[in-house]
């Protein structure tokens, strides 16, 4: 174990015969002892341990906290403290922009399906549905000419027979148009159109799920199977498969306006 440093000498000489020295005198033994300690050596010639530096244990860290009973819920430093507030103050997050998504529903039969389906098919159909997605102030739909767009209600079909609120989306217009462009070059090319299996409602259902995670109503997507489940629908399928539907009035997405 390290021996403790020798105690400082007395203020005055131990020799009673000699004159007493003032503690302010440069020849005072106690002042000489202090000079030796400042030079890093003890009175016995052994080196003294270096003093602790601030931040290495000599000074305990100063904490920051909310004053008890303040009720503000904010992080505030104690008086005289320095450093980072803890816990850090809450930074409110900006809510994302939300864009409404609508489904436009058109009855291509203009009411004839409702009146004639019991006679021709033996079951009631409310309409022959064509749908489109309205988002970012435009209407988007799929037909034999590929993916097209127009102002809402801007095709020759006129205004929709009904509008379904699909929900809201955080997808920006730029990202959405890039998504449509990729669809138009893959699964929704114009030549891929089929009245029963790959039609406008297939497109609307796909896009609605991309934008909101929700599907369009099942009475729309189930319409082909409803028709084909009847003898009359099976008899007409070869003819119906050859039908190509492309509502006029839109411009193909990804091409100059008006070209298809």
C-alpha atoms as a PDB file:
ATOM      1  CA  UNK A   1       0.000   0.000   0.000  1.00  0.00           C
ATOM      2  CA  UNK A   2       1.283   3.456  -0.900  1.00  0.00           C
ATOM      3  CA  UNK A   3       2.345   5.492   2.075  1.00  0.00           C
ATOM      4  CA  UNK A   4       0.443   8.693   2.563  1.00  0.00           C
ATOM      5  CA  UNK A   5       2.245  11.960   1.820  1.00  0.00           C
ATOM      6  CA  UNK A   6       4.091  13.471   4.698  1.00  0.00           C
ATOM      7  CA  UNK A   7       2.191  16.132   6.602  1.00  0.00           C
ATOM      8  CA  UNK A   8       3.133  19.755   6.012  1.00  0.00           C
ATOM      9  CA  UNK A   9       5.780  21.212   8.285  1.00  0.00           C
ATOM     10  CA  UNK A  10       4.751  23.600  11.028  1.00  0.00           C
ATOM     11  CA  UNK A  11       4.322  27.255  10.305  1.00  0.00           C
ATOM     12  CA  UNK A  12       7.117  28.234  12.668  1.00  0.00           C
ATOM     13  CA  UNK A  13      10.549  26.842  13.318  1.00  0.00           C
ATOM     14  CA  UNK A  14      10.896  24.249  15.996  1.00  0.00           C
ATOM     15  CA  UNK A  15      14.134  25.835  17.136  1.00  0.00           C
ATOM     16  CA  UNK A  16      13.116  28.097  19.993  1.00  0.00           C
ATOM     17  CA  UNK A  17      16.331  30.021  19.617  1.00  0.00           C
ATOM     18  CA  UNK A  18      15.670  31.067  16.065  1.00  0.00           C
ATOM     19  CA  UNK A  19      13.241  33.809  15.061  1.00  0.00           C
ATOM     20  CA  UNK A  20       9.753  32.823  13.996  1.00  0.00           C
ATOM     21  CA  UNK A  21       8.974  33.128  10.268  1.00  0.00           C
ATOM     22  CA  UNK A  22       5.810  34.645   8.987  1.00  0.00           C
ATOM     23  CA  UNK A  23       3.614  32.227   6.932  1.00  0.00           C
ATOM     24  CA  UNK A  24       3.788  34.842   4.157  1.00  0.00           C
ATOM     25  CA  UNK A  25       7.581  34.699   3.975  1.00  0.00           C
ATOM     26  CA  UNK A  26       9.123  32.946   0.945  1.00  0.00           C
ATOM     27  CA  UNK A  27      11.430  31.069   3.357  1.00  0.00           C
ATOM     28  CA  UNK A  28       8.522  29.643   5.312  1.00  0.00           C
ATOM     29  CA  UNK A  29       8.828  25.786   5.344  1.00  0.00           C
ATOM     30  CA  UNK A  30       5.079  25.395   4.744  1.00  0.00           C
ATOM     31  CA  UNK A  31       5.182  27.535   1.592  1.00  0.00           C
ATOM     32  CA  UNK A  32       8.189  25.531   0.367  1.00  0.00           C
ATOM     33  CA  UNK A  33       6.221  22.325   0.953  1.00  0.00           C
ATOM     34  CA  UNK A  34       3.358  23.669  -1.154  1.00  0.00           C
ATOM     35  CA  UNK A  35       5.752  24.527  -4.000  1.00  0.00           C
ATOM     36  CA  UNK A  36       7.082  20.986  -3.935  1.00  0.00           C
ATOM     37  CA  UNK A  37       3.564  19.557  -4.225  1.00  0.00           C
ATOM     38  CA  UNK A  38       2.821  21.833  -7.203  1.00  0.00           C
ATOM     39  CA  UNK A  39       5.996  20.534  -8.899  1.00  0.00           C
ATOM     40  CA  UNK A  40       4.633  16.986  -8.515  1.00  0.00           C
ATOM     41  CA  UNK A  41       6.899  15.728  -5.732  1.00  0.00           C
ATOM     42  CA  UNK A  42       6.313  15.085  -2.051  1.00  0.00           C
ATOM     43  CA  UNK A  43       8.528  16.366   0.688  1.00  0.00           C
ATOM     44  CA  UNK A  44      10.194  12.923   0.705  1.00  0.00           C
ATOM     45  CA  UNK A  45      11.018  13.005  -3.015  1.00  0.00           C
ATOM     46  CA  UNK A  46       8.317  10.527  -4.170  1.00  0.00           C
ATOM     47  CA  UNK A  47       6.053  11.582  -7.074  1.00  0.00           C
ATOM     48  CA  UNK A  48       2.474  12.371  -6.175  1.00  0.00           C
ATOM     49  CA  UNK A  49      -0.476  10.992  -8.125  1.00  0.00           C
ATOM     50  CA  UNK A  50      -1.766  13.467 -10.731  1.00  0.00           C
ATOM     51  CA  UNK A  51      -4.973  15.273  -9.829  1.00  0.00           C
ATOM     52  CA  UNK A  52      -8.190  13.970 -11.363  1.00  0.00           C
ATOM     53  CA  UNK A  53      -9.295  15.742 -14.526  1.00  0.00           C
ATOM     54  CA  UNK A  54     -12.821  17.018 -14.827  1.00  0.00           C
ATOM     55  CA  UNK A  55     -15.061  14.472 -16.502  1.00  0.00           C
ATOM     56  CA  UNK A  56     -13.024  11.458 -15.285  1.00  0.00           C
ATOM     57  CA  UNK A  57     -14.674  10.935 -11.960  1.00  0.00           C
ATOM     58  CA  UNK A  58     -13.685  14.060 -10.120  1.00  0.00           C
ATOM     59  CA  UNK A  59     -17.035  15.734 -10.777  1.00  0.00           C
ATOM     60  CA  UNK A  60     -20.257  13.680 -10.831  1.00  0.00           C
ATOM     61  CA  UNK A  61     -22.353  14.148 -13.995  1.00  0.00           C
ATOM     62  CA  UNK A  62     -25.108  16.667 -13.692  1.00  0.00           C
ATOM     63  CA  UNK A  63     -28.489  15.263 -14.534  1.00  0.00           C
ATOM     64  CA  UNK A  64     -31.372  16.897 -16.330  1.00  0.00           C
ATOM     65  CA  UNK A  65     -34.918  16.145 -15.418  1.00  0.00           C
ATOM     66  CA  UNK A  66     -38.323  17.677 -15.184  1.00  0.00           C
ATOM     67  CA  UNK A  67     -38.691  19.527 -11.888  1.00  0.00           C
ATOM     68  CA  UNK A  68     -40.892  17.447  -9.572  1.00  0.00           C
ATOM     69  CA  UNK A  69     -44.389  18.723  -9.357  1.00  0.00           C
ATOM     70  CA  UNK A  70     -43.975  21.065 -12.311  1.00  0.00           C
ATOM     71  CA  UNK A  71     -46.645  19.257 -14.327  1.00  0.00           C
ATOM     72  CA  UNK A  72     -45.255  20.627 -17.577  1.00  0.00           C
ATOM     73  CA  UNK A  73     -44.015  17.281 -18.890  1.00  0.00           C
ATOM     74  CA  UNK A  74     -41.017  19.084 -20.422  1.00  0.00           C
ATOM     75  CA  UNK A  75     -37.384  18.202 -19.905  1.00  0.00           C
ATOM     76  CA  UNK A  76     -35.637  21.046 -18.106  1.00  0.00           C
ATOM     77  CA  UNK A  77     -32.079  21.299 -16.761  1.00  0.00           C
ATOM     78  CA  UNK A  78     -31.367  21.734 -13.099  1.00  0.00           C
ATOM     79  CA  UNK A  79     -29.943  25.173 -12.180  1.00  0.00           C
ATOM     80  CA  UNK A  80     -26.335  25.538 -13.294  1.00  0.00           C
ATOM     81  CA  UNK A  81     -26.313  22.251 -15.222  1.00  0.00           C
ATOM     82  CA  UNK A  82     -24.781  21.890 -18.652  1.00  0.00           C
ATOM     83  CA  UNK A  83     -25.279  19.278 -21.394  1.00  0.00           C
ATOM     84  CA  UNK A  84     -28.111  17.614 -23.300  1.00  0.00           C
ATOM     85  CA  UNK A  85     -31.665  17.551 -22.029  1.00  0.00           C
ATOM     86  CA  UNK A  86     -32.793  14.144 -20.867  1.00  0.00           C
ATOM     87  CA  UNK A  87     -35.216  12.763 -21.708  1.00  0.00           C
ATOM     88  CA  UNK A  88     -35.106  14.612 -25.031  1.00  0.00           C
ATOM     89  CA  UNK A  89     -38.112  16.823 -25.750  1.00  0.00           C
ATOM     90  CA  UNK A  90     -40.774  15.337 -27.988  1.00  0.00           C
ATOM     91  CA  UNK A  91     -40.740  16.593 -31.571  1.00  0.00           C
ATOM     92  CA  UNK A  92     -44.216  16.452 -33.120  1.00  0.00           C
ATOM     93  CA  UNK A  93     -44.341  14.509 -36.391  1.00  0.00           C
ATOM     94  CA  UNK A  94     -46.053  16.087 -39.347  1.00  0.00           C
ATOM     95  CA  UNK A  95     -49.033  14.022 -40.515  1.00  0.00           C
ATOM     96  CA  UNK A  96     -48.616  12.591 -44.017  1.00  0.00           C
ATOM     97  CA  UNK A  97     -50.603  14.025 -46.895  1.00  0.00           C
ATOM     98  CA  UNK A  98     -53.668  11.912 -47.623  1.00  0.00           C
ATOM     99  CA  UNK A  99     -55.353  11.777 -51.017  1.00  0.00           C
ATOM    100  CA  UNK A 100     -58.940  10.512 -51.428  1.00  0.00           C
ATOM    101  CA  UNK A 101     -59.514   7.486 -53.654  1.00  0.00           C
ATOM    102  CA  UNK A 102     -62.888   6.987 -55.359  1.00  0.00           C
ATOM    103  CA  UNK A 103     -64.320   4.168 -57.459  1.00  0.00           C
ATOM    104  CA  UNK A 104     -66.539   5.302 -60.331  1.00  0.00           C
ATOM    105  CA  UNK A 105     -69.106   2.667 -61.304  1.00  0.00           C
ATOM    106  CA  UNK A 106     -70.895   2.703 -64.687  1.00  0.00           C
ATOM    107  CA  UNK A 107     -73.665   0.411 -65.925  1.00  0.00           C
ATOM    108  CA  UNK A 108     -72.826  -0.293 -69.558  1.00  0.00           C
ATOM    109  CA  UNK A 109     -76.298  -1.777 -70.116  1.00  0.00           C
ATOM    110  CA  UNK A 110     -77.997   1.464 -69.040  1.00  0.00           C
ATOM    111  CA  UNK A 111     -80.552  -0.495 -67.006  1.00  0.00           C
ATOM    112  CA  UNK A 112     -81.247  -3.269 -69.540  1.00  0.00           C
ATOM    113  CA  UNK A 113     -79.421  -5.906 -67.479  1.00  0.00           C
ATOM    114  CA  UNK A 114     -81.754  -5.324 -64.579  1.00  0.00           C
ATOM    115  CA  UNK A 115     -84.835  -5.852 -66.755  1.00  0.00           C
ATOM    116  CA  UNK A 116     -83.641  -8.621 -69.102  1.00  0.00           C
ATOM    117  CA  UNK A 117     -81.284 -10.730 -66.962  1.00  0.00           C
ATOM    118  CA  UNK A 118     -84.098 -12.738 -65.283  1.00  0.00           C
ATOM    119  CA  UNK A 119     -85.391 -13.746 -68.718  1.00  0.00           C
ATOM    120  CA  UNK A 120     -82.082 -14.370 -70.472  1.00  0.00           C
ATOM    121  CA  UNK A 121     -79.940 -15.690 -67.607  1.00  0.00           C
ATOM    122  CA  UNK A 122     -82.498 -16.938 -65.140  1.00  0.00           C
ATOM    123  CA  UNK A 123     -81.038 -14.726 -62.385  1.00  0.00           C
ATOM    124  CA  UNK A 124     -81.111 -11.071 -61.479  1.00  0.00           C
ATOM    125  CA  UNK A 125     -78.206  -8.853 -62.451  1.00  0.00           C
ATOM    126  CA  UNK A 126     -78.226  -5.222 -61.458  1.00  0.00           C
ATOM    127  CA  UNK A 127     -75.898  -4.061 -64.225  1.00  0.00           C
ATOM    128  CA  UNK A 128     -72.978  -4.746 -66.532  1.00  0.00           C
ATOM    129  CA  UNK A 129     -70.303  -2.887 -64.606  1.00  0.00           C
ATOM    130  CA  UNK A 130     -67.431  -0.796 -65.869  1.00  0.00           C
ATOM    131  CA  UNK A 131     -65.276   0.807 -63.164  1.00  0.00           C
ATOM    132  CA  UNK A 132     -62.423   3.273 -62.879  1.00  0.00           C
ATOM    133  CA  UNK A 133     -60.250   4.735 -60.123  1.00  0.00           C
ATOM    134  CA  UNK A 134     -60.316   8.470 -59.396  1.00  0.00           C
ATOM    135  CA  UNK A 135     -57.293   9.833 -57.538  1.00  0.00           C
ATOM    136  CA  UNK A 136     -55.075  12.919 -57.817  1.00  0.00           C
ATOM    137  CA  UNK A 137     -57.880  14.748 -59.661  1.00  0.00           C
ATOM    138  CA  UNK A 138     -57.950  12.300 -62.602  1.00  0.00           C
ATOM    139  CA  UNK A 139     -59.879   9.183 -63.599  1.00  0.00           C
ATOM    140  CA  UNK A 140     -57.918   6.045 -64.568  1.00  0.00           C
ATOM    141  CA  UNK A 141     -59.322   2.948 -66.270  1.00  0.00           C
ATOM    142  CA  UNK A 142     -58.270  -0.074 -68.332  1.00  0.00           C
ATOM    143  CA  UNK A 143     -59.593  -1.211 -71.686  1.00  0.00           C
ATOM    144  CA  UNK A 144     -58.529  -2.761 -74.950  1.00  0.00           C
ATOM    145  CA  UNK A 145     -56.320   0.289 -75.577  1.00  0.00           C
ATOM    146  CA  UNK A 146     -54.400  -0.130 -72.321  1.00  0.00           C
ATOM    147  CA  UNK A 147     -54.473   2.155 -69.271  1.00  0.00           C
ATOM    148  CA  UNK A 148     -56.105   5.499 -69.956  1.00  0.00           C
ATOM    149  CA  UNK A 149     -56.895   8.649 -68.000  1.00  0.00           C
ATOM    150  CA  UNK A 150     -59.264  11.589 -68.273  1.00  0.00           C
ATOM    151  CA  UNK A 151     -60.833  14.221 -66.040  1.00  0.00           C
ATOM    152  CA  UNK A 152     -63.408  12.637 -63.688  1.00  0.00           C
ATOM    153  CA  UNK A 153     -66.476  11.719 -65.729  1.00  0.00           C
ATOM    154  CA  UNK A 154     -64.723  12.830 -68.917  1.00  0.00           C
ATOM    155  CA  UNK A 155     -65.434   9.792 -71.141  1.00  0.00           C
ATOM    156  CA  UNK A 156     -68.467   9.438 -73.409  1.00  0.00           C
ATOM    157  CA  UNK A 157     -70.064   7.308 -70.704  1.00  0.00           C
ATOM    158  CA  UNK A 158     -70.832  10.544 -68.898  1.00  0.00           C
ATOM    159  CA  UNK A 159     -71.149  10.782 -65.120  1.00  0.00           C
ATOM    160  CA  UNK A 160     -70.929   7.538 -63.123  1.00  0.00           C
ATOM    161  CA  UNK A 161     -74.042   5.721 -61.926  1.00  0.00           C
ATOM    162  CA  UNK A 162     -72.520   5.500 -58.447  1.00  0.00           C
ATOM    163  CA  UNK A 163     -69.372   6.497 -56.584  1.00  0.00           C
ATOM    164  CA  UNK A 164     -67.748   4.280 -53.948  1.00  0.00           C
ATOM    165  CA  UNK A 165     -65.411   5.819 -51.367  1.00  0.00           C
ATOM    166  CA  UNK A 166     -62.448   3.410 -51.303  1.00  0.00           C
ATOM    167  CA  UNK A 167     -60.425   5.336 -48.712  1.00  0.00           C
ATOM    168  CA  UNK A 168     -57.315   7.536 -48.607  1.00  0.00           C
ATOM    169  CA  UNK A 169     -53.767   6.986 -49.779  1.00  0.00           C
ATOM    170  CA  UNK A 170     -50.337   8.407 -48.972  1.00  0.00           C
ATOM    171  CA  UNK A 171     -49.044   7.536 -52.463  1.00  0.00           C
ATOM    172  CA  UNK A 172     -47.993  10.706 -54.230  1.00  0.00           C
ATOM    173  CA  UNK A 173     -48.969  11.469 -57.811  1.00  0.00           C
ATOM    174  CA  UNK A 174     -45.414  10.964 -59.054  1.00  0.00           C
ATOM    175  CA  UNK A 175     -45.117   7.494 -57.510  1.00  0.00           C
ATOM    176  CA  UNK A 176     -48.618   6.563 -58.692  1.00  0.00           C
ATOM    177  CA  UNK A 177     -47.882   7.490 -62.310  1.00  0.00           C
ATOM    178  CA  UNK A 178     -44.669   5.457 -62.207  1.00  0.00           C
ATOM    179  CA  UNK A 179     -46.680   2.529 -60.871  1.00  0.00           C
ATOM    180  CA  UNK A 180     -49.244   2.867 -63.678  1.00  0.00           C
ATOM    181  CA  UNK A 181     -46.463   3.049 -66.244  1.00  0.00           C
ATOM    182  CA  UNK A 182     -45.033  -0.243 -64.983  1.00  0.00           C
ATOM    183  CA  UNK A 183     -48.487  -1.869 -65.074  1.00  0.00           C
ATOM    184  CA  UNK A 184     -49.044  -0.634 -68.624  1.00  0.00           C
ATOM    185  CA  UNK A 185     -45.819  -2.303 -69.726  1.00  0.00           C
ATOM    186  CA  UNK A 186     -46.592  -5.624 -68.046  1.00  0.00           C
ATOM    187  CA  UNK A 187     -49.898  -7.165 -66.997  1.00  0.00           C
ATOM    188  CA  UNK A 188     -52.192  -4.383 -68.214  1.00  0.00           C
ATOM    189  CA  UNK A 189     -51.117  -3.976 -71.809  1.00  0.00           C
ATOM    190  CA  UNK A 190     -53.956  -3.399 -74.268  1.00  0.00           C
ATOM    191  CA  UNK A 191     -53.597  -6.834 -75.884  1.00  0.00           C
ATOM    192  CA  UNK A 192     -53.987  -8.490 -72.473  1.00  0.00           C
ATOM    193  CA  UNK A 193     -57.591  -7.280 -72.156  1.00  0.00           C
ATOM    194  CA  UNK A 194     -60.268  -9.976 -71.770  1.00  0.00           C
ATOM    195  CA  UNK A 195     -63.914  -9.216 -71.070  1.00  0.00           C
ATOM    196  CA  UNK A 196     -64.342 -11.957 -68.460  1.00  0.00           C
ATOM    197  CA  UNK A 197     -60.928 -12.610 -66.955  1.00  0.00           C
ATOM    198  CA  UNK A 198     -58.819  -9.440 -67.298  1.00  0.00           C
ATOM    199  CA  UNK A 199     -60.957  -6.360 -67.640  1.00  0.00           C
ATOM    200  CA  UNK A 200     -61.473  -2.862 -66.261  1.00  0.00           C
ATOM    201  CA  UNK A 201     -62.685  -4.222 -62.920  1.00  0.00           C
ATOM    202  CA  UNK A 202     -59.541  -6.343 -62.567  1.00  0.00           C
ATOM    203  CA  UNK A 203     -57.524  -3.170 -63.015  1.00  0.00           C
ATOM    204  CA  UNK A 204     -59.612  -1.142 -60.546  1.00  0.00           C
ATOM    205  CA  UNK A 205     -59.312  -3.876 -57.932  1.00  0.00           C
ATOM    206  CA  UNK A 206     -55.529  -4.076 -58.385  1.00  0.00           C
ATOM    207  CA  UNK A 207     -55.018  -0.306 -58.151  1.00  0.00           C
ATOM    208  CA  UNK A 208     -57.389   0.095 -55.190  1.00  0.00           C
ATOM    209  CA  UNK A 209     -55.366  -2.435 -53.198  1.00  0.00           C
ATOM    210  CA  UNK A 210     -52.108  -0.713 -54.116  1.00  0.00           C
ATOM    211  CA  UNK A 211     -53.406   2.677 -52.986  1.00  0.00           C
ATOM    212  CA  UNK A 212     -55.456   1.773 -49.910  1.00  0.00           C
ATOM    213  CA  UNK A 213     -55.074  -1.949 -49.222  1.00  0.00           C
ATOM    214  CA  UNK A 214     -58.808  -2.438 -49.885  1.00  0.00           C
ATOM    215  CA  UNK A 215     -60.629  -4.340 -52.629  1.00  0.00           C
ATOM    216  CA  UNK A 216     -63.523  -3.000 -54.657  1.00  0.00           C
ATOM    217  CA  UNK A 217     -67.031  -4.431 -53.905  1.00  0.00           C
ATOM    218  CA  UNK A 218     -67.396  -8.130 -54.661  1.00  0.00           C
ATOM    219  CA  UNK A 219     -70.660  -7.699 -56.605  1.00  0.00           C
ATOM    220  CA  UNK A 220     -68.511  -6.040 -59.285  1.00  0.00           C
ATOM    221  CA  UNK A 221     -65.621  -8.508 -59.393  1.00  0.00           C
ATOM    222  CA  UNK A 222     -68.019 -11.512 -59.206  1.00  0.00           C
ATOM    223  CA  UNK A 223     -70.042 -10.412 -62.239  1.00  0.00           C
ATOM    224  CA  UNK A 224     -68.183 -12.564 -64.841  1.00  0.00           C
ATOM    225  CA  UNK A 225     -68.638 -15.733 -62.798  1.00  0.00           C
ATOM    226  CA  UNK A 226     -72.308 -14.878 -62.287  1.00  0.00           C
ATOM    227  CA  UNK A 227     -72.827 -14.652 -66.048  1.00  0.00           C
ATOM    228  CA  UNK A 228     -70.769 -17.719 -66.932  1.00  0.00           C
ATOM    229  CA  UNK A 229     -72.548 -19.851 -64.328  1.00  0.00           C
ATOM    230  CA  UNK A 230     -75.695 -19.764 -66.492  1.00  0.00           C
ATOM    231  CA  UNK A 231     -76.346 -21.861 -69.653  1.00  0.00           C
ATOM    232  CA  UNK A 232     -77.002 -18.710 -71.656  1.00  0.00           C
ATOM    233  CA  UNK A 233     -73.723 -17.169 -70.526  1.00  0.00           C
ATOM    234  CA  UNK A 234     -71.796 -20.304 -71.481  1.00  0.00           C
ATOM    235  CA  UNK A 235     -73.445 -20.303 -74.900  1.00  0.00           C
ATOM    236  CA  UNK A 236     -72.524 -16.675 -75.484  1.00  0.00           C
ATOM    237  CA  UNK A 237     -68.968 -16.866 -74.153  1.00  0.00           C
ATOM    238  CA  UNK A 238     -67.238 -17.370 -77.549  1.00  0.00           C
ATOM    239  CA  UNK A 239     -68.955 -14.233 -78.774  1.00  0.00           C
ATOM    240  CA  UNK A 240     -68.396 -12.239 -75.587  1.00  0.00           C
ATOM    241  CA  UNK A 241     -64.704 -13.149 -75.445  1.00  0.00           C
ATOM    242  CA  UNK A 242     -64.169 -11.313 -78.715  1.00  0.00           C
ATOM    243  CA  UNK A 243     -65.674  -8.067 -77.421  1.00  0.00           C
ATOM    244  CA  UNK A 244     -63.139  -5.296 -76.735  1.00  0.00           C
ATOM    245  CA  UNK A 245     -64.299  -2.411 -74.556  1.00  0.00           C
ATOM    246  CA  UNK A 246     -62.485   0.909 -74.572  1.00  0.00           C
ATOM    247  CA  UNK A 247     -64.536   3.878 -73.358  1.00  0.00           C
ATOM    248  CA  UNK A 248     -63.783   6.798 -75.704  1.00  0.00           C
ATOM    249  CA  UNK A 249     -62.627  10.130 -74.370  1.00  0.00           C
ATOM    250  CA  UNK A 250     -59.466   9.198 -72.469  1.00  0.00           C
ATOM    251  CA  UNK A 251     -55.776   9.450 -73.252  1.00  0.00           C
ATOM    252  CA  UNK A 252     -53.428   6.517 -72.811  1.00  0.00           C
ATOM    253  CA  UNK A 253     -51.179   6.825 -69.757  1.00  0.00           C
ATOM    254  CA  UNK A 254     -47.529   7.257 -70.662  1.00  0.00           C
ATOM    255  CA  UNK A 255     -48.132   8.486 -74.215  1.00  0.00           C
ATOM    256  CA  UNK A 256     -48.821  11.913 -75.664  1.00  0.00           C
ATOM    257  CA  UNK A 257     -52.297  13.213 -74.989  1.00  0.00           C
ATOM    258  CA  UNK A 258     -54.932  11.761 -77.291  1.00  0.00           C
ATOM    259  CA  UNK A 259     -52.783   8.931 -78.690  1.00  0.00           C
ATOM    260  CA  UNK A 260     -53.539   5.293 -78.009  1.00  0.00           C
END
